[in-house]
């Protein structure tokens, strides 16, 4: 971690302080003005809170300067995100209220979601829910988040909820393969003629897998366990 410039951590502290100050001001404002807000304004305030919580979770990913791991490994440590489960739950709960409100608009003829994807240049719930699906370590919460994404087909800037659902499911598949490989044992054999074979065995479930192919360049026979 000593390869990271000290300025990066100073910037992190500045932004963290700004997030705390924003939340304090937001809470004070809502305490004073909530009774006077319209339903549409309350939705806007809810969305602001969702994005603030998401940004706060992201801010926790900045590792300690003394951490010996690479910044990629340290910033993506599942332990960081496991400590944010309650915040992820709040993001999902608040997003659920907004999705339900949008569905009610459709039933009343005030929404356009039923006619296909809608587009907005503003950020809504798609990006925060996507983040929950990718980073949250609580599987039921992730399932709730992707279910909400499926209920609100929208494009918000670069975020497409329909495409996002497909990407999330593909990511989950790769995540599961990685988890299984870490639990199992992989053996790779390279033949003199460039042919290679691999086998995998899960030491817990006794599952197995194997494959074969040909390498581009000839390599001496070797075995890696």
Protein backbone atom coordinates (compact mmCIF):
# COMPACT_ATOMS: atom_id res chain seq x y z
CA UNK A 1 0.00 0.00 0.00
CA UNK A 2 3.01 2.33 0.27
CA UNK A 3 2.77 2.89 -3.51
CA UNK A 4 -0.35 4.97 -2.97
CA UNK A 5 0.31 8.72 -2.79
CA UNK A 6 -0.40 10.29 0.61
CA UNK A 7 -2.64 12.82 -1.14
CA UNK A 8 -5.10 10.02 -1.93
CA UNK A 9 -5.73 9.37 1.76
CA UNK A 10 -6.01 13.07 2.51
CA UNK A 11 -8.65 13.34 -0.22
CA UNK A 12 -10.48 10.35 1.25
CA UNK A 13 -10.61 12.00 4.67
CA UNK A 14 -11.94 15.19 3.10
CA UNK A 15 -14.71 13.37 1.24
CA UNK A 16 -15.59 11.29 4.31
CA UNK A 17 -16.01 14.46 6.35
CA UNK A 18 -18.20 15.94 3.62
CA UNK A 19 -20.41 12.84 3.60
CA UNK A 20 -20.87 13.10 7.36
CA UNK A 21 -21.65 16.81 7.14
CA UNK A 22 -24.16 16.21 4.34
CA UNK A 23 -25.96 13.53 6.31
CA UNK A 24 -26.15 15.76 9.37
CA UNK A 25 -27.64 18.61 7.33
CA UNK A 26 -30.02 16.26 5.53
CA UNK A 27 -31.31 14.77 8.77
CA UNK A 28 -31.87 18.22 10.26
CA UNK A 29 -33.70 19.39 7.13
CA UNK A 30 -35.96 16.34 7.04
CA UNK A 31 -36.83 16.73 10.72
CA UNK A 32 -37.98 20.29 10.10
CA UNK A 33 -39.57 20.04 6.66
CA UNK A 34 -40.83 16.48 6.21
CA UNK A 35 -44.40 17.40 7.11
CA UNK A 36 -44.48 20.05 4.37
CA UNK A 37 -43.03 17.95 1.54
CA UNK A 38 -45.16 16.64 -1.31
CA UNK A 39 -45.14 12.90 -2.15
CA UNK A 40 -42.91 13.64 -5.16
CA UNK A 41 -40.47 15.59 -3.01
CA UNK A 42 -40.36 12.75 -0.49
CA UNK A 43 -39.41 10.39 -3.31
CA UNK A 44 -36.59 12.75 -4.24
CA UNK A 45 -35.38 12.88 -0.65
CA UNK A 46 -35.49 9.09 -0.47
CA UNK A 47 -33.37 8.84 -3.59
CA UNK A 48 -30.83 11.28 -2.14
CA UNK A 49 -30.57 9.11 0.96
CA UNK A 50 -30.05 5.99 -1.16
CA UNK A 51 -27.15 7.57 -3.01
CA UNK A 52 -25.63 8.95 0.17
CA UNK A 53 -25.63 5.52 1.80
CA UNK A 54 -24.14 3.94 -1.33
CA UNK A 55 -21.37 6.56 -1.44
CA UNK A 56 -20.68 5.97 2.26
CA UNK A 57 -20.26 2.23 1.67
CA UNK A 58 -17.89 2.95 -1.20
CA UNK A 59 -15.91 5.26 1.04
CA UNK A 60 -15.26 2.44 3.49
CA UNK A 61 -13.41 0.55 0.74
CA UNK A 62 -10.33 2.77 1.08
CA UNK A 63 -7.82 0.56 2.94
CA UNK A 64 -5.37 1.52 5.63
CA UNK A 65 -1.99 2.80 4.33
CA UNK A 66 -0.26 0.10 6.39
CA UNK A 67 -2.18 -2.73 4.69
CA UNK A 68 0.47 -4.91 2.93
CA UNK A 69 -1.95 -6.10 0.23
CA UNK A 70 -2.45 -4.47 -3.15
CA UNK A 71 -5.09 -1.76 -3.21
CA UNK A 72 -7.29 -3.92 -5.46
CA UNK A 73 -7.24 -6.83 -3.01
CA UNK A 74 -7.63 -4.64 0.05
CA UNK A 75 -10.43 -2.46 -1.34
CA UNK A 76 -12.43 -5.51 -2.45
CA UNK A 77 -12.07 -7.49 0.76
CA UNK A 78 -15.49 -9.08 1.47
CA UNK A 79 -15.00 -8.30 5.16
CA UNK A 80 -15.34 -4.59 4.36
CA UNK A 81 -18.71 -5.14 2.74
CA UNK A 82 -19.93 -7.61 5.37
CA UNK A 83 -19.73 -4.76 7.89
CA UNK A 84 -22.10 -2.74 5.69
CA UNK A 85 -24.95 -5.26 5.60
CA UNK A 86 -27.30 -2.97 7.52
CA UNK A 87 -26.61 -0.14 5.09
CA UNK A 88 -27.20 -2.44 2.12
CA UNK A 89 -30.51 -3.41 3.74
CA UNK A 90 -31.49 0.25 3.99
CA UNK A 91 -30.65 0.82 0.32
CA UNK A 92 -32.84 -2.13 -0.68
CA UNK A 93 -35.73 -1.09 1.59
CA UNK A 94 -35.74 2.52 0.37
CA UNK A 95 -35.43 1.39 -3.25
CA UNK A 96 -38.36 -0.96 -2.74
CA UNK A 97 -40.54 1.96 -1.68
CA UNK A 98 -39.59 3.90 -4.82
CA UNK A 99 -40.18 0.94 -7.14
CA UNK A 100 -43.56 0.30 -5.51
CA UNK A 101 -44.48 3.97 -5.98
CA UNK A 102 -43.52 3.78 -9.66
CA UNK A 103 -45.67 0.68 -10.08
CA UNK A 104 -48.61 2.51 -8.53
CA UNK A 105 -48.07 5.33 -11.03
CA UNK A 106 -48.39 2.78 -13.83
CA UNK A 107 -51.65 1.45 -12.43
CA UNK A 108 -53.02 4.97 -12.24
CA UNK A 109 -51.89 5.78 -15.76
CA UNK A 110 -49.22 8.22 -14.62
CA UNK A 111 -46.19 6.11 -15.48
CA UNK A 112 -44.59 4.85 -18.67
CA UNK A 113 -42.75 1.80 -17.38
CA UNK A 114 -45.44 -0.54 -18.70
CA UNK A 115 -44.77 0.59 -22.26
CA UNK A 116 -41.11 -0.39 -22.27
CA UNK A 117 -37.84 1.02 -21.03
CA UNK A 118 -37.90 4.62 -19.91
CA UNK A 119 -34.83 6.82 -20.04
CA UNK A 120 -33.57 9.43 -17.63
CA UNK A 121 -30.31 11.36 -17.53
CA UNK A 122 -30.60 11.44 -13.74
CA UNK A 123 -29.33 8.68 -11.50
CA UNK A 124 -32.07 6.65 -9.87
CA UNK A 125 -32.14 3.29 -8.12
CA UNK A 126 -30.51 1.18 -10.85
CA UNK A 127 -26.87 1.90 -9.96
CA UNK A 128 -27.31 1.51 -6.17
CA UNK A 129 -29.19 -1.78 -6.60
CA UNK A 130 -26.52 -3.01 -9.02
CA UNK A 131 -23.89 -2.18 -6.39
CA UNK A 132 -25.81 -4.15 -3.77
CA UNK A 133 -25.95 -7.18 -6.08
CA UNK A 134 -22.19 -7.08 -6.74
CA UNK A 135 -20.77 -6.12 -3.36
CA UNK A 136 -23.22 -7.21 -0.65
CA UNK A 137 -22.22 -10.46 1.07
CA UNK A 138 -25.77 -11.24 2.22
CA UNK A 139 -27.26 -13.53 -0.45
CA UNK A 140 -30.96 -12.94 0.40
CA UNK A 141 -30.36 -9.18 0.18
CA UNK A 142 -28.72 -9.56 -3.21
CA UNK A 143 -31.70 -11.58 -4.40
CA UNK A 144 -34.06 -8.84 -3.23
CA UNK A 145 -32.00 -6.23 -5.06
CA UNK A 146 -31.98 -8.07 -8.38
CA UNK A 147 -35.73 -8.73 -8.05
CA UNK A 148 -36.27 -4.98 -7.72
CA UNK A 149 -34.11 -4.32 -10.77
CA UNK A 150 -36.25 -6.74 -12.73
CA UNK A 151 -39.37 -4.84 -11.70
CA UNK A 152 -38.16 -1.45 -12.97
CA UNK A 153 -36.97 -1.70 -16.59
CA UNK A 154 -35.21 1.63 -16.96
CA UNK A 155 -32.19 3.36 -18.42
CA UNK A 156 -30.65 5.93 -16.11
CA UNK A 157 -27.72 7.55 -17.85
CA UNK A 158 -25.33 4.69 -18.63
CA UNK A 159 -27.19 2.30 -16.31
CA UNK A 160 -29.60 -0.10 -18.02
CA UNK A 161 -31.53 -2.23 -15.53
CA UNK A 162 -32.31 -5.03 -18.00
CA UNK A 163 -28.69 -5.35 -19.12
CA UNK A 164 -27.60 -4.97 -15.51
CA UNK A 165 -29.63 -8.00 -14.43
CA UNK A 166 -27.93 -10.15 -17.09
CA UNK A 167 -24.49 -8.89 -16.10
CA UNK A 168 -25.17 -9.53 -12.42
CA UNK A 169 -26.25 -13.12 -13.03
CA UNK A 170 -23.13 -13.75 -15.14
CA UNK A 171 -21.02 -12.23 -12.37
CA UNK A 172 -22.67 -14.49 -9.81
CA UNK A 173 -21.87 -17.53 -11.96
CA UNK A 174 -18.20 -16.53 -12.17
CA UNK A 175 -18.18 -15.81 -8.45
CA UNK A 176 -19.51 -19.30 -7.73
CA UNK A 177 -16.92 -20.94 -9.99
CA UNK A 178 -14.18 -19.00 -8.22
CA UNK A 179 -15.54 -20.05 -4.84
CA UNK A 180 -15.66 -23.71 -5.84
CA UNK A 181 -12.14 -23.62 -7.24
CA UNK A 182 -10.84 -22.14 -4.01
CA UNK A 183 -12.49 -24.96 -2.07
CA UNK A 184 -11.23 -27.66 -4.39
CA UNK A 185 -7.98 -28.83 -5.92
CA UNK A 186 -6.93 -28.22 -9.51
CA UNK A 187 -4.39 -30.41 -11.29
CA UNK A 188 -2.92 -29.30 -14.63
CA UNK A 189 -0.81 -31.58 -16.85
CA UNK A 190 1.10 -30.23 -19.89
CA UNK A 191 2.30 -32.81 -22.45
CA UNK A 192 5.37 -32.54 -24.71
CA UNK A 193 3.20 -32.23 -27.84
CA UNK A 194 1.39 -29.21 -26.47
CA UNK A 195 -1.63 -31.13 -25.25
CA UNK A 196 -2.91 -30.22 -21.82
CA UNK A 197 -5.37 -31.75 -19.41
CA UNK A 198 -6.84 -30.48 -16.19
CA UNK A 199 -8.95 -32.02 -13.47
CA UNK A 200 -10.68 -30.50 -10.48
CA UNK A 201 -12.01 -32.12 -7.34
CA UNK A 202 -13.97 -30.50 -4.52
CA UNK A 203 -12.65 -31.83 -1.24
CA UNK A 204 -15.99 -31.13 0.47
CA UNK A 205 -18.71 -32.20 -1.95
CA UNK A 206 -16.52 -34.65 -3.92
CA UNK A 207 -17.59 -32.95 -7.13
CA UNK A 208 -15.26 -33.35 -10.09
CA UNK A 209 -14.54 -31.73 -13.44
CA UNK A 210 -11.97 -32.12 -16.18
CA UNK A 211 -11.02 -30.80 -19.60
CA UNK A 212 -8.36 -31.00 -22.30
CA UNK A 213 -6.94 -29.04 -25.22
CA UNK A 214 -3.81 -28.07 -27.12
CA UNK A 215 -1.39 -25.28 -26.29
CA UNK A 216 -0.07 -22.93 -28.96
CA UNK A 217 3.58 -23.48 -28.05
CA UNK A 218 5.18 -26.75 -27.09
CA UNK A 219 5.94 -27.00 -23.41
CA UNK A 220 7.70 -29.70 -21.40
CA UNK A 221 5.58 -32.11 -19.41
CA UNK A 222 4.87 -30.78 -15.96
CA UNK A 223 2.27 -31.14 -13.26
CA UNK A 224 0.81 -28.51 -10.97
CA UNK A 225 -1.38 -29.48 -8.03
